[in-house]
């Protein structure tokens, strides 16, 4: 939709420069001279390969950190898919947007998409790291996009215990 031009009435057909472009599953397919040709090409692609559907992937049974997807909820809307999720630590059920689970916005939940620690984590435990200036272990937790400092500790075990207590207090 460059240069202020409008999109076609059909999804995946756009006016670009002085030609019509056809996209299918987010990828450029062809450029044609008229809108009617572009629409007919798009319809042919949909008949041959099926209509793209963002809701096609079934996440039921998949785990993301300590969260396991149970299934879709009736709260889902066309542009925002809401899933029913089970917290495996507390066995609580709640609704969560799909984008949150996939890492688009994971603020305030206390998990990462992959279940492993980042390479720069010195302790092997999420939210616990060695503070090199003092040689003490620090504990912290991420809450609604802000890091909450839990304190400095002489041993790694004390810092891990403080982190686990904070997880129970804030995330459960």
N, C-alpha and C. Protein backbone atom coordinates (compact mmCIF):
# COMPACT_ATOMS: atom_id res chain seq x y z
N UNK A 1 0.84 -1.18 0.00
CA UNK A 1 0.00 0.00 0.00
C UNK A 1 0.88 1.25 0.00
N UNK A 2 1.85 1.26 -0.88
CA UNK A 2 2.77 2.38 -0.97
C UNK A 2 2.10 3.57 -1.64
N UNK A 3 2.66 4.72 -1.40
CA UNK A 3 2.22 5.96 -2.04
C UNK A 3 0.75 6.25 -1.80
N UNK A 4 0.22 5.89 -0.66
CA UNK A 4 -1.13 6.23 -0.29
C UNK A 4 -2.21 5.48 -1.03
N UNK A 5 -1.88 4.43 -1.73
CA UNK A 5 -2.88 3.68 -2.48
C UNK A 5 -3.61 2.72 -1.56
N UNK A 6 -4.79 2.36 -1.97
CA UNK A 6 -5.66 1.48 -1.17
C UNK A 6 -5.38 0.01 -1.45
N UNK A 7 -5.71 -0.81 -0.48
CA UNK A 7 -5.66 -2.25 -0.68
C UNK A 7 -6.94 -2.67 -1.39
N UNK A 8 -6.89 -3.82 -2.01
CA UNK A 8 -8.06 -4.36 -2.68
C UNK A 8 -9.08 -4.81 -1.64
N UNK A 9 -10.27 -5.17 -2.12
CA UNK A 9 -11.29 -5.70 -1.23
C UNK A 9 -10.92 -7.11 -0.79
N UNK A 10 -9.96 -7.73 -1.46
CA UNK A 10 -9.55 -9.10 -1.13
C UNK A 10 -8.24 -9.08 -0.36
N UNK A 11 -8.20 -9.89 0.67
CA UNK A 11 -6.99 -10.03 1.47
C UNK A 11 -5.85 -10.55 0.60
N UNK A 12 -4.65 -9.95 0.77
CA UNK A 12 -3.48 -10.40 0.03
C UNK A 12 -3.32 -9.78 -1.34
N UNK A 13 -4.14 -8.80 -1.69
CA UNK A 13 -4.04 -8.11 -2.99
C UNK A 13 -3.86 -6.62 -2.70
N UNK A 14 -2.74 -6.04 -3.21
CA UNK A 14 -2.40 -4.66 -2.91
C UNK A 14 -1.99 -3.93 -4.18
N UNK A 15 -2.30 -2.63 -4.22
CA UNK A 15 -1.86 -1.78 -5.32
C UNK A 15 -0.53 -1.19 -4.91
N UNK A 16 0.52 -1.43 -5.70
CA UNK A 16 1.86 -0.99 -5.35
C UNK A 16 2.47 -0.30 -6.56
N UNK A 17 2.76 0.99 -6.46
CA UNK A 17 3.26 1.75 -7.60
C UNK A 17 2.16 1.89 -8.63
N UNK A 18 2.31 1.24 -9.77
CA UNK A 18 1.26 1.27 -10.79
C UNK A 18 0.81 -0.15 -11.14
N UNK A 19 1.09 -1.12 -10.30
CA UNK A 19 0.72 -2.52 -10.54
C UNK A 19 0.03 -3.09 -9.31
N UNK A 20 -0.61 -4.23 -9.51
CA UNK A 20 -1.25 -4.95 -8.41
C UNK A 20 -0.36 -6.11 -7.99
N UNK A 21 -0.13 -6.25 -6.68
CA UNK A 21 0.71 -7.32 -6.15
C UNK A 21 -0.15 -8.33 -5.41
N UNK A 22 0.20 -9.59 -5.57
CA UNK A 22 -0.51 -10.67 -4.90
C UNK A 22 0.43 -11.29 -3.86
N UNK A 23 -0.08 -11.42 -2.63
CA UNK A 23 0.67 -12.07 -1.55
C UNK A 23 -0.14 -13.27 -1.08
N UNK A 24 0.58 -14.33 -0.69
CA UNK A 24 -0.09 -15.52 -0.15
C UNK A 24 0.74 -16.03 1.01
N UNK A 25 0.10 -16.22 2.16
CA UNK A 25 0.77 -16.64 3.40
C UNK A 25 1.94 -15.72 3.74
N UNK A 26 1.72 -14.40 3.52
CA UNK A 26 2.71 -13.40 3.89
C UNK A 26 3.87 -13.25 2.93
N UNK A 27 3.86 -13.94 1.81
CA UNK A 27 4.97 -13.84 0.86
C UNK A 27 4.47 -13.33 -0.49
N UNK A 28 5.33 -12.56 -1.14
CA UNK A 28 5.02 -12.02 -2.47
C UNK A 28 4.93 -13.17 -3.47
N UNK A 29 3.90 -13.14 -4.33
CA UNK A 29 3.71 -14.19 -5.34
C UNK A 29 3.90 -13.64 -6.74
N UNK A 30 3.18 -12.55 -7.07
CA UNK A 30 3.24 -12.04 -8.44
C UNK A 30 2.78 -10.59 -8.51
N UNK A 31 3.14 -9.95 -9.62
CA UNK A 31 2.67 -8.61 -9.94
C UNK A 31 1.87 -8.70 -11.23
N UNK A 32 0.67 -8.11 -11.24
CA UNK A 32 -0.19 -8.14 -12.42
C UNK A 32 -0.68 -6.72 -12.71
N UNK A 33 -1.28 -6.55 -13.90
CA UNK A 33 -1.66 -5.22 -14.34
C UNK A 33 -3.03 -4.76 -13.85
N UNK A 34 -3.92 -5.69 -13.50
CA UNK A 34 -5.26 -5.26 -13.08
C UNK A 34 -5.66 -5.93 -11.77
N UNK A 35 -6.59 -5.26 -11.08
CA UNK A 35 -7.08 -5.78 -9.81
C UNK A 35 -7.83 -7.10 -10.01
N UNK A 36 -8.60 -7.19 -11.08
CA UNK A 36 -9.37 -8.42 -11.31
C UNK A 36 -8.45 -9.62 -11.53
N UNK A 37 -7.33 -9.43 -12.25
CA UNK A 37 -6.37 -10.52 -12.44
C UNK A 37 -5.73 -10.92 -11.11
N UNK A 38 -5.42 -9.92 -10.30
CA UNK A 38 -4.81 -10.18 -9.00
C UNK A 38 -5.77 -10.96 -8.10
N UNK A 39 -7.03 -10.57 -8.09
CA UNK A 39 -8.02 -11.27 -7.27
C UNK A 39 -8.22 -12.71 -7.76
N UNK A 40 -8.28 -12.90 -9.08
CA UNK A 40 -8.47 -14.26 -9.59
C UNK A 40 -7.26 -15.14 -9.27
N UNK A 41 -6.04 -14.57 -9.33
CA UNK A 41 -4.84 -15.34 -8.97
C UNK A 41 -4.86 -15.71 -7.49
N UNK A 42 -5.26 -14.77 -6.67
CA UNK A 42 -5.34 -15.05 -5.22
C UNK A 42 -6.37 -16.14 -4.96
N UNK A 43 -7.53 -16.09 -5.61
CA UNK A 43 -8.56 -17.12 -5.43
C UNK A 43 -8.06 -18.48 -5.88
N UNK A 44 -7.31 -18.51 -6.99
CA UNK A 44 -6.73 -19.78 -7.45
C UNK A 44 -5.79 -20.37 -6.40
N UNK A 45 -4.95 -19.52 -5.81
CA UNK A 45 -4.03 -19.98 -4.77
C UNK A 45 -4.78 -20.53 -3.57
N UNK A 46 -5.85 -19.84 -3.17
CA UNK A 46 -6.64 -20.30 -2.02
C UNK A 46 -7.36 -21.61 -2.33
N UNK A 47 -7.84 -21.78 -3.57
CA UNK A 47 -8.50 -23.04 -3.93
C UNK A 47 -7.51 -24.19 -3.96
N UNK A 48 -6.31 -23.93 -4.47
CA UNK A 48 -5.31 -24.99 -4.60
C UNK A 48 -4.66 -25.35 -3.26
N UNK A 49 -4.29 -24.34 -2.48
CA UNK A 49 -3.54 -24.59 -1.25
C UNK A 49 -4.33 -24.36 0.04
N UNK A 50 -5.53 -23.82 -0.07
CA UNK A 50 -6.34 -23.55 1.12
C UNK A 50 -6.17 -22.12 1.59
N UNK A 51 -7.16 -21.64 2.32
CA UNK A 51 -7.12 -20.27 2.82
C UNK A 51 -6.23 -20.22 4.05
N UNK A 52 -5.30 -19.27 4.11
CA UNK A 52 -4.44 -19.15 5.29
C UNK A 52 -5.27 -18.86 6.53
N UNK A 53 -4.95 -19.54 7.61
CA UNK A 53 -5.71 -19.38 8.84
C UNK A 53 -4.76 -19.29 10.01
N UNK A 54 -4.68 -18.12 10.66
CA UNK A 54 -3.77 -17.98 11.79
C UNK A 54 -4.18 -18.83 12.99
N UNK A 55 -5.41 -19.31 13.01
CA UNK A 55 -5.87 -20.12 14.13
C UNK A 55 -5.66 -21.61 13.88
N UNK A 56 -4.98 -21.95 12.80
CA UNK A 56 -4.83 -23.34 12.40
C UNK A 56 -3.97 -24.14 13.39
N UNK A 57 -2.94 -23.53 13.95
CA UNK A 57 -2.02 -24.23 14.84
C UNK A 57 -2.72 -24.55 16.15
N UNK A 58 -2.65 -25.81 16.56
CA UNK A 58 -3.26 -26.24 17.80
C UNK A 58 -2.17 -26.29 18.87
N UNK A 59 -2.29 -25.42 19.87
CA UNK A 59 -1.29 -25.35 20.93
C UNK A 59 -1.65 -26.20 22.14
N UNK A 60 -2.78 -26.87 22.12
CA UNK A 60 -3.22 -27.68 23.27
C UNK A 60 -2.17 -28.74 23.58
N UNK A 61 -1.80 -28.82 24.87
CA UNK A 61 -0.82 -29.80 25.31
C UNK A 61 0.61 -29.31 25.28
N UNK A 62 0.89 -28.18 24.62
CA UNK A 62 2.25 -27.66 24.58
C UNK A 62 2.57 -26.90 25.85
N UNK A 63 3.82 -26.95 26.29
CA UNK A 63 4.24 -26.24 27.49
C UNK A 63 5.17 -25.10 27.13
N UNK A 64 5.05 -24.01 27.88
CA UNK A 64 5.89 -22.84 27.75
C UNK A 64 6.38 -22.51 29.15
N UNK A 65 7.59 -22.93 29.48
CA UNK A 65 8.10 -22.74 30.84
C UNK A 65 7.27 -23.59 31.79
N UNK A 66 6.67 -22.95 32.79
CA UNK A 66 5.83 -23.67 33.74
C UNK A 66 4.34 -23.61 33.39
N UNK A 67 4.04 -23.19 32.16
CA UNK A 67 2.64 -23.06 31.73
C UNK A 67 2.32 -24.10 30.65
N UNK A 68 1.19 -24.77 30.80
CA UNK A 68 0.76 -25.76 29.82
C UNK A 68 -0.57 -25.31 29.23
N UNK A 69 -0.66 -25.31 27.90
CA UNK A 69 -1.87 -24.87 27.21
C UNK A 69 -2.90 -25.99 27.25
N UNK A 70 -4.12 -25.64 27.71
CA UNK A 70 -5.22 -26.60 27.75
C UNK A 70 -6.01 -26.53 26.45
N UNK A 71 -6.25 -25.32 25.96
CA UNK A 71 -7.00 -25.15 24.71
C UNK A 71 -7.45 -23.71 24.54
N UNK A 72 -8.27 -23.47 23.53
CA UNK A 72 -8.80 -22.14 23.26
C UNK A 72 -9.95 -21.81 24.21
N UNK A 73 -10.19 -20.52 24.41
CA UNK A 73 -11.32 -20.07 25.22
C UNK A 73 -12.34 -19.36 24.33
N UNK A 74 -13.57 -19.21 24.80
CA UNK A 74 -14.56 -18.46 24.03
C UNK A 74 -14.25 -16.97 23.96
N UNK A 75 -13.24 -16.50 24.71
CA UNK A 75 -12.87 -15.08 24.71
C UNK A 75 -12.09 -14.69 23.46
N UNK A 76 -11.64 -15.66 22.66
CA UNK A 76 -10.84 -15.37 21.48
C UNK A 76 -11.62 -14.53 20.48
N UNK A 77 -10.91 -13.57 19.90
CA UNK A 77 -11.47 -12.72 18.86
C UNK A 77 -10.64 -12.91 17.59
N UNK A 78 -11.11 -12.42 16.45
CA UNK A 78 -10.36 -12.65 15.21
C UNK A 78 -8.89 -12.23 15.26
N UNK A 79 -8.57 -11.12 15.91
CA UNK A 79 -7.19 -10.68 15.93
C UNK A 79 -6.49 -10.92 17.26
N UNK A 80 -7.17 -11.52 18.23
CA UNK A 80 -6.54 -11.79 19.52
C UNK A 80 -7.02 -13.14 20.03
N UNK A 81 -6.16 -14.13 19.94
CA UNK A 81 -6.49 -15.49 20.36
C UNK A 81 -6.16 -15.65 21.84
N UNK A 82 -7.15 -16.06 22.63
CA UNK A 82 -6.99 -16.24 24.07
C UNK A 82 -7.00 -17.74 24.37
N UNK A 83 -6.01 -18.20 25.13
CA UNK A 83 -5.89 -19.62 25.44
C UNK A 83 -6.11 -19.87 26.92
N UNK A 84 -6.62 -21.05 27.24
CA UNK A 84 -6.74 -21.49 28.63
C UNK A 84 -5.43 -22.17 28.99
N UNK A 85 -4.81 -21.71 30.08
CA UNK A 85 -3.47 -22.16 30.45
C UNK A 85 -3.49 -22.69 31.87
N UNK A 86 -2.68 -23.73 32.12
CA UNK A 86 -2.52 -24.31 33.45
C UNK A 86 -1.11 -24.02 33.94
N UNK A 87 -1.00 -23.39 35.11
CA UNK A 87 0.30 -23.19 35.74
C UNK A 87 0.68 -24.50 36.42
N UNK A 88 1.72 -25.15 35.94
CA UNK A 88 2.10 -26.47 36.44
C UNK A 88 2.61 -26.43 37.87
N UNK A 89 3.13 -25.28 38.33
CA UNK A 89 3.62 -25.17 39.71
C UNK A 89 2.48 -25.09 40.71
N UNK A 90 1.43 -24.33 40.38
CA UNK A 90 0.34 -24.11 41.33
C UNK A 90 -0.94 -24.84 40.95
N UNK A 91 -0.98 -25.42 39.76
CA UNK A 91 -2.15 -26.11 39.24
C UNK A 91 -3.37 -25.19 39.11
N UNK A 92 -3.10 -23.89 38.88
CA UNK A 92 -4.17 -22.92 38.65
C UNK A 92 -4.42 -22.77 37.16
N UNK A 93 -5.65 -22.48 36.78
CA UNK A 93 -6.02 -22.27 35.39
C UNK A 93 -6.38 -20.80 35.18
N UNK A 94 -5.94 -20.24 34.06
CA UNK A 94 -6.29 -18.86 33.73
C UNK A 94 -6.19 -18.66 32.23
N UNK A 95 -6.73 -17.52 31.76
CA UNK A 95 -6.71 -17.18 30.33
C UNK A 95 -5.50 -16.31 30.04
N UNK A 96 -4.92 -16.52 28.86
CA UNK A 96 -3.73 -15.78 28.48
C UNK A 96 -3.72 -15.59 26.96
N UNK A 97 -3.35 -14.39 26.46
CA UNK A 97 -3.27 -14.20 25.01
C UNK A 97 -2.17 -15.05 24.40
N UNK A 98 -2.40 -15.52 23.19
CA UNK A 98 -1.41 -16.33 22.49
C UNK A 98 -0.10 -15.58 22.32
N UNK A 99 -0.18 -14.27 22.02
CA UNK A 99 1.04 -13.49 21.83
C UNK A 99 1.91 -13.48 23.08
N UNK A 100 1.31 -13.55 24.24
CA UNK A 100 2.07 -13.60 25.48
C UNK A 100 2.84 -14.90 25.58
N UNK A 101 2.20 -15.99 25.24
CA UNK A 101 2.88 -17.29 25.30
C UNK A 101 4.01 -17.38 24.29
N UNK A 102 3.84 -16.79 23.14
CA UNK A 102 4.85 -16.90 22.10
C UNK A 102 5.98 -15.91 22.27
N UNK A 103 5.96 -15.14 23.35
CA UNK A 103 7.07 -14.26 23.63
C UNK A 103 6.87 -12.83 23.21
N UNK A 104 5.72 -12.49 22.64
CA UNK A 104 5.48 -11.12 22.24
C UNK A 104 5.36 -10.19 23.42
N UNK A 105 4.76 -10.64 24.48
CA UNK A 105 4.59 -9.82 25.67
C UNK A 105 4.51 -10.74 26.87
N UNK A 106 5.62 -11.04 27.48
CA UNK A 106 5.61 -11.97 28.60
C UNK A 106 5.83 -11.27 29.93
N UNK A 107 5.38 -10.03 30.04
CA UNK A 107 5.58 -9.27 31.27
C UNK A 107 4.70 -9.80 32.39
N UNK A 108 5.32 -9.98 33.53
CA UNK A 108 4.57 -10.31 34.73
C UNK A 108 4.17 -11.75 34.88
N UNK A 109 4.69 -12.65 34.05
CA UNK A 109 4.29 -14.04 34.22
C UNK A 109 5.41 -14.87 34.80
N UNK A 110 6.65 -14.48 34.59
CA UNK A 110 7.76 -15.17 35.21
C UNK A 110 8.18 -16.44 34.51
N UNK A 111 8.14 -16.48 33.21
CA UNK A 111 8.66 -17.63 32.47
C UNK A 111 9.29 -17.13 31.20
N UNK A 112 10.10 -17.97 30.60
CA UNK A 112 10.66 -17.68 29.29
C UNK A 112 10.14 -18.69 28.30
N UNK A 113 10.20 -18.36 27.02
CA UNK A 113 9.72 -19.25 25.98
C UNK A 113 10.48 -20.57 26.00
N UNK A 114 11.80 -20.51 26.06
CA UNK A 114 12.57 -21.74 26.17
C UNK A 114 12.76 -22.05 27.65
N UNK A 115 12.89 -23.27 27.99
CA UNK A 115 12.99 -23.65 29.38
C UNK A 115 14.41 -23.62 29.92
N UNK A 116 15.35 -23.00 29.20
CA UNK A 116 16.73 -23.02 29.65
C UNK A 116 17.19 -21.62 30.03
N UNK A 117 18.28 -21.56 30.78
CA UNK A 117 18.83 -20.28 31.20
C UNK A 117 19.62 -19.64 30.08
N UNK A 118 19.65 -18.31 30.05
CA UNK A 118 20.47 -17.64 29.05
C UNK A 118 21.96 -17.91 29.30
N UNK A 119 22.77 -17.70 28.30
CA UNK A 119 24.20 -17.95 28.41
C UNK A 119 24.88 -17.08 29.45
N UNK A 120 24.35 -15.89 29.72
CA UNK A 120 25.02 -14.98 30.63
C UNK A 120 24.57 -15.15 32.08
N UNK A 121 23.81 -16.18 32.40
CA UNK A 121 23.36 -16.41 33.76
C UNK A 121 24.43 -17.19 34.49
N UNK A 122 24.99 -16.60 35.56
CA UNK A 122 26.11 -17.22 36.25
C UNK A 122 25.69 -18.28 37.27
N UNK A 123 24.42 -18.31 37.64
CA UNK A 123 24.00 -19.23 38.69
C UNK A 123 23.32 -20.49 38.17
N UNK A 124 22.75 -20.42 36.98
CA UNK A 124 21.97 -21.54 36.48
C UNK A 124 20.53 -21.47 36.93
N UNK A 125 20.16 -20.44 37.68
CA UNK A 125 18.79 -20.25 38.16
C UNK A 125 18.28 -18.90 37.69
N UNK A 126 17.08 -18.86 37.14
CA UNK A 126 16.50 -17.61 36.69
C UNK A 126 16.32 -16.66 37.87
N UNK A 127 16.76 -15.41 37.69
CA UNK A 127 16.58 -14.40 38.72
C UNK A 127 17.65 -14.39 39.79
N UNK A 128 18.72 -15.14 39.59
CA UNK A 128 19.83 -15.16 40.55
C UNK A 128 21.12 -15.04 39.75
N UNK A 129 21.97 -14.08 40.16
CA UNK A 129 23.25 -13.93 39.47
C UNK A 129 24.29 -13.39 40.44
N UNK A 130 25.56 -13.57 40.07
CA UNK A 130 26.67 -13.10 40.88
C UNK A 130 26.93 -11.64 40.56
N UNK A 131 26.95 -10.79 41.57
CA UNK A 131 27.25 -9.38 41.40
C UNK A 131 28.76 -9.24 41.58
N UNK A 132 29.47 -9.03 40.49
CA UNK A 132 30.93 -9.12 40.50
C UNK A 132 31.61 -8.04 41.33
N UNK A 133 31.03 -6.87 41.45
CA UNK A 133 31.66 -5.79 42.22
C UNK A 133 31.87 -6.16 43.68
N UNK A 134 30.85 -6.82 44.25
CA UNK A 134 30.92 -7.15 45.68
C UNK A 134 31.19 -8.63 45.92
N UNK A 135 31.03 -9.45 44.90
CA UNK A 135 31.21 -10.88 45.06
C UNK A 135 30.01 -11.55 45.73
N UNK A 136 28.91 -10.82 45.86
CA UNK A 136 27.70 -11.38 46.49
C UNK A 136 26.71 -11.81 45.40
N UNK A 137 25.78 -12.65 45.81
CA UNK A 137 24.73 -13.12 44.91
C UNK A 137 23.52 -12.23 45.04
N UNK A 138 22.97 -11.82 43.90
CA UNK A 138 21.76 -10.99 43.95
C UNK A 138 20.58 -11.78 43.41
N UNK A 139 19.41 -11.49 43.96
CA UNK A 139 18.18 -12.13 43.51
C UNK A 139 17.24 -11.03 43.03
N UNK A 140 16.49 -11.33 41.98
CA UNK A 140 15.53 -10.38 41.41
C UNK A 140 14.43 -11.14 40.71
N UNK A 141 13.32 -10.43 40.46
CA UNK A 141 12.19 -11.03 39.76
C UNK A 141 11.58 -9.98 38.84
N UNK A 142 11.07 -10.40 37.70
CA UNK A 142 10.46 -9.51 36.73
C UNK A 142 8.95 -9.45 37.00
N UNK A 143 8.43 -8.25 37.27
CA UNK A 143 7.00 -8.06 37.54
C UNK A 143 6.45 -6.95 36.66
N UNK A 144 5.53 -7.28 35.79
CA UNK A 144 4.87 -6.31 34.92
C UNK A 144 5.87 -5.41 34.21
N UNK A 145 6.93 -6.01 33.71
CA UNK A 145 7.91 -5.27 32.93
C UNK A 145 8.97 -4.56 33.74
N UNK A 146 8.93 -4.66 35.05
CA UNK A 146 9.91 -4.00 35.90
C UNK A 146 10.65 -5.03 36.73
N UNK A 147 11.96 -4.85 36.87
CA UNK A 147 12.76 -5.77 37.68
C UNK A 147 12.68 -5.34 39.13
N UNK A 148 12.29 -6.27 40.00
CA UNK A 148 12.22 -6.00 41.44
C UNK A 148 13.41 -6.66 42.10
N UNK A 149 14.26 -5.85 42.71
CA UNK A 149 15.46 -6.34 43.38
C UNK A 149 15.06 -6.98 44.71
N UNK A 150 15.53 -8.19 44.96
CA UNK A 150 15.17 -8.91 46.19
C UNK A 150 16.27 -8.88 47.24
N UNK A 151 17.46 -8.46 46.85
CA UNK A 151 18.54 -8.32 47.82
C UNK A 151 19.83 -9.00 47.39
N UNK A 152 20.89 -8.73 48.18
CA UNK A 152 22.19 -9.37 47.99
C UNK A 152 22.38 -10.43 49.07
N UNK A 153 23.02 -11.53 48.71
CA UNK A 153 23.18 -12.64 49.64
C UNK A 153 24.61 -13.18 49.57
N UNK A 154 25.09 -13.72 50.69
CA UNK A 154 26.44 -14.25 50.75
C UNK A 154 26.60 -15.54 49.96
N UNK A 155 25.56 -16.37 49.92
CA UNK A 155 25.66 -17.64 49.21
C UNK A 155 24.61 -17.71 48.09
N UNK A 156 24.93 -18.52 47.11
CA UNK A 156 24.01 -18.71 46.00
C UNK A 156 22.71 -19.36 46.48
N UNK A 157 22.79 -20.28 47.42
CA UNK A 157 21.60 -20.98 47.93
C UNK A 157 20.62 -20.01 48.59
N UNK A 158 21.14 -19.02 49.34
CA UNK A 158 20.26 -18.03 49.97
C UNK A 158 19.53 -17.20 48.91
N UNK A 159 20.26 -16.83 47.86
CA UNK A 159 19.65 -16.04 46.79
C UNK A 159 18.58 -16.84 46.05
N UNK A 160 18.87 -18.13 45.81
CA UNK A 160 17.88 -19.00 45.15
C UNK A 160 16.64 -19.13 46.02
N UNK A 161 16.82 -19.29 47.33
CA UNK A 161 15.68 -19.40 48.24
C UNK A 161 14.84 -18.12 48.22
N UNK A 162 15.51 -16.95 48.18
CA UNK A 162 14.77 -15.68 48.13
C UNK A 162 14.00 -15.57 46.83
N UNK A 163 14.60 -16.00 45.73
CA UNK A 163 13.92 -15.95 44.43
C UNK A 163 12.68 -16.86 44.44
N UNK A 164 12.83 -18.08 44.96
CA UNK A 164 11.71 -19.03 45.01
C UNK A 164 10.59 -18.49 45.89
N UNK A 165 10.93 -17.86 47.01
CA UNK A 165 9.92 -17.27 47.88
C UNK A 165 9.18 -16.13 47.16
N UNK A 166 9.92 -15.34 46.39
CA UNK A 166 9.30 -14.25 45.65
C UNK A 166 8.38 -14.80 44.55
N UNK A 167 8.78 -15.90 43.91
CA UNK A 167 7.92 -16.52 42.90
C UNK A 167 6.60 -16.94 43.54
N UNK A 168 6.67 -17.57 44.71
CA UNK A 168 5.45 -17.98 45.40
C UNK A 168 4.59 -16.78 45.78
N UNK A 169 5.22 -15.71 46.24
CA UNK A 169 4.50 -14.53 46.69
C UNK A 169 3.86 -13.75 45.53
N UNK A 170 4.63 -13.50 44.47
CA UNK A 170 4.17 -12.62 43.40
C UNK A 170 3.51 -13.33 42.22
N UNK A 171 3.94 -14.53 41.88
CA UNK A 171 3.46 -15.15 40.66
C UNK A 171 2.39 -16.20 40.89
N UNK A 172 2.12 -16.57 42.10
CA UNK A 172 1.11 -17.60 42.36
C UNK A 172 -0.06 -17.04 43.13
